[in-house]
Amino acid sequence: MRSLFLKIFFSFWLTIVLMGVPFYFVGLKNRPEHPYPGMRDFSMQAMAKYGDEALAAWRKGGPEGLRAYVEQIEEQSGISLYLFAGRTNALSGRQAPPEAKDTAVRVMSG
């Protein structure tokens, strides 16, 4: 009786593991990049708007105009902005963190 119980017990857990592990990895592979696609679209629109305004400030006032715009946005919203020429050259003259440079490279790569 005891060995039958152990066989059923271990068979049950072996089945759970053999079925659970593949389902876990399939779910991990197929999950969306962002849980809320609408939020991703909103953030892309916000980035485009801030980028357009930063470019307009740079065209109007050069690096000083861009720096003033960036400082104004940081004071109002706490958002750090960096306008890049090329892949990693920040136009405002401020040193961009590596995360901002990586994002710029990823966006420019398509």
N, C-alpha and C. Protein backbone atom coordinates (compact mmCIF):
# COMPACT_ATOMS: atom_id res chain seq x y z
N MET A 1 0.82 -1.19 0.00
CA MET A 1 0.00 0.00 0.00
C MET A 1 0.87 1.26 0.00
N ARG A 2 1.94 1.22 0.78
CA ARG A 2 2.80 2.39 0.89
C ARG A 2 3.50 2.67 -0.43
N SER A 3 3.95 1.68 -1.12
CA SER A 3 4.65 1.91 -2.39
C SER A 3 3.68 2.40 -3.46
N LEU A 4 2.43 1.97 -3.44
CA LEU A 4 1.44 2.46 -4.39
C LEU A 4 1.18 3.96 -4.16
N PHE A 5 1.08 4.34 -2.91
CA PHE A 5 0.89 5.76 -2.60
C PHE A 5 2.06 6.59 -3.11
N LEU A 6 3.27 6.14 -2.87
CA LEU A 6 4.45 6.88 -3.32
C LEU A 6 4.51 6.95 -4.84
N LYS A 7 4.13 5.89 -5.52
CA LYS A 7 4.13 5.90 -6.99
C LYS A 7 3.13 6.93 -7.51
N ILE A 8 1.95 6.95 -6.92
CA ILE A 8 0.93 7.93 -7.35
C ILE A 8 1.38 9.34 -7.00
N PHE A 9 1.92 9.52 -5.82
CA PHE A 9 2.37 10.83 -5.37
C PHE A 9 3.46 11.39 -6.28
N PHE A 10 4.49 10.61 -6.52
CA PHE A 10 5.60 11.08 -7.37
C PHE A 10 5.18 11.21 -8.82
N SER A 11 4.29 10.35 -9.28
CA SER A 11 3.79 10.47 -10.65
C SER A 11 3.02 11.77 -10.83
N PHE A 12 2.23 12.12 -9.84
CA PHE A 12 1.48 13.37 -9.90
C PHE A 12 2.42 14.57 -9.99
N TRP A 13 3.41 14.62 -9.13
CA TRP A 13 4.32 15.77 -9.13
C TRP A 13 5.21 15.79 -10.37
N LEU A 14 5.59 14.64 -10.86
CA LEU A 14 6.36 14.58 -12.10
C LEU A 14 5.53 15.11 -13.26
N THR A 15 4.26 14.76 -13.30
CA THR A 15 3.37 15.26 -14.35
C THR A 15 3.20 16.77 -14.24
N ILE A 16 3.04 17.27 -13.04
CA ILE A 16 2.90 18.71 -12.83
C ILE A 16 4.15 19.44 -13.33
N VAL A 17 5.31 18.95 -12.99
CA VAL A 17 6.56 19.59 -13.41
C VAL A 17 6.73 19.50 -14.92
N LEU A 18 6.49 18.31 -15.48
CA LEU A 18 6.67 18.14 -16.93
C LEU A 18 5.69 18.97 -17.75
N MET A 19 4.53 19.26 -17.21
CA MET A 19 3.57 20.11 -17.92
C MET A 19 3.76 21.59 -17.58
N GLY A 20 4.14 21.87 -16.36
CA GLY A 20 4.26 23.26 -15.93
C GLY A 20 5.44 24.00 -16.52
N VAL A 21 6.58 23.34 -16.61
CA VAL A 21 7.78 24.00 -17.12
C VAL A 21 7.60 24.45 -18.57
N PRO A 22 7.15 23.59 -19.49
CA PRO A 22 6.95 24.08 -20.87
C PRO A 22 5.92 25.20 -20.96
N PHE A 23 4.81 25.09 -20.21
CA PHE A 23 3.81 26.15 -20.25
C PHE A 23 4.38 27.46 -19.72
N TYR A 24 5.22 27.39 -18.71
CA TYR A 24 5.85 28.60 -18.18
C TYR A 24 6.70 29.28 -19.24
N PHE A 25 7.53 28.51 -19.93
CA PHE A 25 8.41 29.10 -20.94
C PHE A 25 7.64 29.58 -22.17
N VAL A 26 6.58 28.89 -22.54
CA VAL A 26 5.75 29.36 -23.66
C VAL A 26 5.09 30.68 -23.28
N GLY A 27 4.58 30.77 -22.07
CA GLY A 27 3.98 32.02 -21.62
C GLY A 27 5.00 33.14 -21.50
N LEU A 28 6.19 32.82 -21.06
CA LEU A 28 7.25 33.82 -20.95
C LEU A 28 7.66 34.34 -22.32
N LYS A 29 7.73 33.45 -23.30
CA LYS A 29 8.13 33.84 -24.64
C LYS A 29 7.06 34.66 -25.35
N ASN A 30 5.80 34.38 -25.09
CA ASN A 30 4.71 35.01 -25.81
C ASN A 30 4.09 36.21 -25.10
N ARG A 31 4.64 36.61 -23.97
CA ARG A 31 4.06 37.75 -23.28
C ARG A 31 4.37 39.03 -24.06
N PRO A 32 3.48 40.01 -23.98
CA PRO A 32 3.71 41.26 -24.72
C PRO A 32 4.88 42.03 -24.12
N GLU A 33 5.52 42.84 -24.96
CA GLU A 33 6.65 43.64 -24.51
C GLU A 33 6.22 44.61 -23.42
N HIS A 34 5.08 45.21 -23.60
CA HIS A 34 4.54 46.15 -22.63
C HIS A 34 3.13 45.67 -22.28
N PRO A 35 2.79 45.58 -20.99
CA PRO A 35 1.48 45.02 -20.63
C PRO A 35 0.30 45.84 -21.13
N TYR A 36 0.50 47.12 -21.36
CA TYR A 36 -0.58 47.98 -21.83
C TYR A 36 -0.16 48.66 -23.12
N PRO A 37 -0.54 48.11 -24.28
CA PRO A 37 -0.11 48.70 -25.56
C PRO A 37 -0.51 50.16 -25.70
N GLY A 38 -1.65 50.55 -25.17
CA GLY A 38 -2.07 51.94 -25.24
C GLY A 38 -1.11 52.86 -24.52
N MET A 39 -0.54 52.38 -23.43
CA MET A 39 0.43 53.18 -22.68
C MET A 39 1.70 53.36 -23.49
N ARG A 40 2.11 52.32 -24.22
CA ARG A 40 3.30 52.44 -25.06
C ARG A 40 3.06 53.47 -26.15
N ASP A 41 1.87 53.45 -26.76
CA ASP A 41 1.55 54.43 -27.80
C ASP A 41 1.55 55.84 -27.22
N PHE A 42 1.00 55.99 -26.02
CA PHE A 42 0.99 57.30 -25.37
C PHE A 42 2.41 57.79 -25.12
N SER A 43 3.27 56.91 -24.62
CA SER A 43 4.64 57.34 -24.34
C SER A 43 5.39 57.68 -25.62
N MET A 44 5.10 56.97 -26.71
CA MET A 44 5.73 57.30 -27.99
C MET A 44 5.26 58.66 -28.49
N GLN A 45 3.97 58.96 -28.32
CA GLN A 45 3.44 60.27 -28.72
C GLN A 45 4.05 61.38 -27.86
N ALA A 46 4.19 61.13 -26.58
CA ALA A 46 4.79 62.13 -25.69
C ALA A 46 6.24 62.37 -26.07
N MET A 47 6.99 61.30 -26.35
CA MET A 47 8.38 61.46 -26.77
C MET A 47 8.47 62.25 -28.06
N ALA A 48 7.58 61.99 -29.00
CA ALA A 48 7.60 62.72 -30.28
C ALA A 48 7.29 64.20 -30.05
N LYS A 49 6.31 64.49 -29.17
CA LYS A 49 5.95 65.88 -28.90
C LYS A 49 7.10 66.62 -28.24
N TYR A 50 7.68 66.03 -27.19
CA TYR A 50 8.81 66.67 -26.53
C TYR A 50 9.99 66.82 -27.49
N GLY A 51 10.20 65.83 -28.33
CA GLY A 51 11.29 65.91 -29.31
C GLY A 51 11.08 67.03 -30.30
N ASP A 52 9.86 67.18 -30.79
CA ASP A 52 9.56 68.28 -31.73
C ASP A 52 9.77 69.64 -31.07
N GLU A 53 9.31 69.77 -29.83
CA GLU A 53 9.47 71.04 -29.12
C GLU A 53 10.94 71.32 -28.81
N ALA A 54 11.70 70.28 -28.45
CA ALA A 54 13.13 70.46 -28.19
C ALA A 54 13.86 70.86 -29.46
N LEU A 55 13.51 70.24 -30.57
CA LEU A 55 14.13 70.59 -31.84
C LEU A 55 13.81 72.04 -32.23
N ALA A 56 12.57 72.46 -32.01
CA ALA A 56 12.19 73.85 -32.30
C ALA A 56 12.97 74.82 -31.41
N ALA A 57 13.15 74.47 -30.13
CA ALA A 57 13.93 75.32 -29.22
C ALA A 57 15.38 75.39 -29.66
N TRP A 58 15.93 74.27 -30.12
CA TRP A 58 17.33 74.26 -30.58
C TRP A 58 17.49 75.08 -31.86
N ARG A 59 16.53 74.96 -32.77
CA ARG A 59 16.60 75.74 -34.01
C ARG A 59 16.46 77.24 -33.74
N LYS A 60 15.64 77.57 -32.77
CA LYS A 60 15.38 78.98 -32.47
C LYS A 60 16.53 79.61 -31.67
N GLY A 61 17.03 78.90 -30.67
CA GLY A 61 18.02 79.51 -29.77
C GLY A 61 19.34 78.79 -29.68
N GLY A 62 19.55 77.76 -30.50
CA GLY A 62 20.80 77.01 -30.44
C GLY A 62 20.90 76.20 -29.15
N PRO A 63 22.12 75.86 -28.76
CA PRO A 63 22.30 75.05 -27.54
C PRO A 63 21.75 75.73 -26.29
N GLU A 64 21.86 77.05 -26.21
CA GLU A 64 21.33 77.76 -25.03
C GLU A 64 19.81 77.69 -24.98
N GLY A 65 19.16 77.84 -26.13
CA GLY A 65 17.70 77.73 -26.18
C GLY A 65 17.24 76.33 -25.81
N LEU A 66 17.96 75.33 -26.29
CA LEU A 66 17.63 73.95 -25.96
C LEU A 66 17.83 73.70 -24.47
N ARG A 67 18.93 74.19 -23.93
CA ARG A 67 19.21 73.99 -22.51
C ARG A 67 18.12 74.65 -21.66
N ALA A 68 17.66 75.84 -22.05
CA ALA A 68 16.59 76.52 -21.31
C ALA A 68 15.30 75.72 -21.38
N TYR A 69 14.97 75.19 -22.56
CA TYR A 69 13.75 74.38 -22.71
C TYR A 69 13.83 73.12 -21.86
N VAL A 70 14.98 72.45 -21.90
CA VAL A 70 15.16 71.20 -21.14
C VAL A 70 15.03 71.48 -19.65
N GLU A 71 15.64 72.56 -19.18
CA GLU A 71 15.55 72.90 -17.75
C GLU A 71 14.11 73.23 -17.36
N GLN A 72 13.38 73.90 -18.24
CA GLN A 72 11.98 74.23 -17.97
C GLN A 72 11.15 72.96 -17.84
N ILE A 73 11.34 72.01 -18.75
CA ILE A 73 10.60 70.75 -18.70
C ILE A 73 10.95 69.97 -17.43
N GLU A 74 12.23 69.95 -17.07
CA GLU A 74 12.63 69.23 -15.86
C GLU A 74 12.02 69.85 -14.61
N GLU A 75 11.95 71.17 -14.56
CA GLU A 75 11.34 71.83 -13.40
C GLU A 75 9.84 71.56 -13.32
N GLN A 76 9.16 71.58 -14.47
CA GLN A 76 7.71 71.41 -14.49
C GLN A 76 7.29 69.96 -14.26
N SER A 77 7.99 69.02 -14.89
CA SER A 77 7.50 67.64 -14.87
C SER A 77 8.48 66.62 -14.29
N GLY A 78 9.73 66.99 -14.13
CA GLY A 78 10.71 66.04 -13.64
C GLY A 78 11.24 65.10 -14.71
N ILE A 79 10.90 65.37 -15.97
CA ILE A 79 11.35 64.53 -17.08
C ILE A 79 12.69 65.04 -17.58
N SER A 80 13.66 64.15 -17.73
CA SER A 80 14.96 64.52 -18.28
C SER A 80 14.93 64.31 -19.78
N LEU A 81 15.22 65.37 -20.54
CA LEU A 81 15.19 65.30 -22.00
C LEU A 81 16.60 65.40 -22.55
N TYR A 82 16.84 64.66 -23.63
CA TYR A 82 18.11 64.72 -24.35
C TYR A 82 17.80 64.68 -25.83
N LEU A 83 18.30 65.66 -26.58
CA LEU A 83 18.13 65.71 -28.02
C LEU A 83 19.46 65.31 -28.63
N PHE A 84 19.44 64.26 -29.44
CA PHE A 84 20.67 63.71 -29.99
C PHE A 84 20.83 64.07 -31.46
N ALA A 85 22.07 64.37 -31.84
CA ALA A 85 22.44 64.50 -33.25
C ALA A 85 23.31 63.28 -33.54
N GLY A 86 22.86 62.42 -34.39
CA GLY A 86 23.56 61.16 -34.58
C GLY A 86 23.10 60.18 -33.51
N ARG A 87 23.99 59.28 -33.15
CA ARG A 87 23.58 58.23 -32.22
C ARG A 87 23.75 58.61 -30.75
N THR A 88 24.82 59.29 -30.40
CA THR A 88 25.06 59.54 -28.97
C THR A 88 25.54 60.95 -28.66
N ASN A 89 25.45 61.89 -29.59
CA ASN A 89 25.91 63.25 -29.36
C ASN A 89 24.74 64.11 -28.89
N ALA A 90 24.69 64.42 -27.60
CA ALA A 90 23.61 65.23 -27.03
C ALA A 90 23.83 66.70 -27.38
N LEU A 91 22.81 67.33 -27.96
CA LEU A 91 22.95 68.71 -28.45
C LEU A 91 22.92 69.76 -27.34
N SER A 92 22.38 69.43 -26.19
CA SER A 92 22.26 70.42 -25.13
C SER A 92 23.58 70.65 -24.41
N GLY A 93 24.57 69.83 -24.68
CA GLY A 93 25.85 69.97 -24.02
C GLY A 93 25.93 69.24 -22.69
N ARG A 94 24.81 68.72 -22.23
CA ARG A 94 24.81 67.95 -20.98
C ARG A 94 25.21 66.52 -21.26
N GLN A 95 25.78 65.87 -20.28
CA GLN A 95 26.17 64.47 -20.42
C GLN A 95 24.92 63.59 -20.25
N ALA A 96 24.61 62.82 -21.27
CA ALA A 96 23.45 61.93 -21.22
C ALA A 96 23.83 60.62 -20.53
N PRO A 97 22.93 60.07 -19.71
CA PRO A 97 23.22 58.78 -19.07
C PRO A 97 23.24 57.66 -20.11
N PRO A 98 23.90 56.55 -19.79
CA PRO A 98 23.98 55.44 -20.75
C PRO A 98 22.62 54.92 -21.20
N GLU A 99 21.61 54.95 -20.30
CA GLU A 99 20.28 54.46 -20.67
C GLU A 99 19.68 55.32 -21.78
N ALA A 100 19.88 56.64 -21.71
CA ALA A 100 19.35 57.53 -22.74
C ALA A 100 20.06 57.28 -24.07
N LYS A 101 21.36 57.05 -24.01
CA LYS A 101 22.11 56.77 -25.24
C LYS A 101 21.66 55.45 -25.85
N ASP A 102 21.46 54.44 -25.02
CA ASP A 102 20.99 53.14 -25.52
C ASP A 102 19.62 53.26 -26.16
N THR A 103 18.73 54.04 -25.54
CA THR A 103 17.40 54.24 -26.11
C THR A 103 17.49 54.96 -27.44
N ALA A 104 18.35 55.97 -27.53
CA ALA A 104 18.51 56.70 -28.80
C ALA A 104 19.02 55.78 -29.90
N VAL A 105 19.98 54.93 -29.58
CA VAL A 105 20.52 53.99 -30.57
C VAL A 105 19.43 53.02 -31.01
N ARG A 106 18.64 52.52 -30.05
CA ARG A 106 17.57 51.56 -30.37
C ARG A 106 16.50 52.21 -31.24
N VAL A 107 16.13 53.46 -30.94
CA VAL A 107 15.10 54.14 -31.73
C VAL A 107 15.61 54.43 -33.14
N MET A 108 16.85 54.87 -33.26
CA MET A 108 17.40 55.20 -34.57
C MET A 108 17.66 53.96 -35.42
N SER A 109 17.85 52.83 -34.76
CA SER A 109 18.08 51.58 -35.50
C SER A 109 16.79 51.04 -36.09
N GLY A 110 15.68 51.48 -35.57
CA GLY A 110 14.39 51.02 -36.09
C GLY A 110 13.84 50.00 -35.22
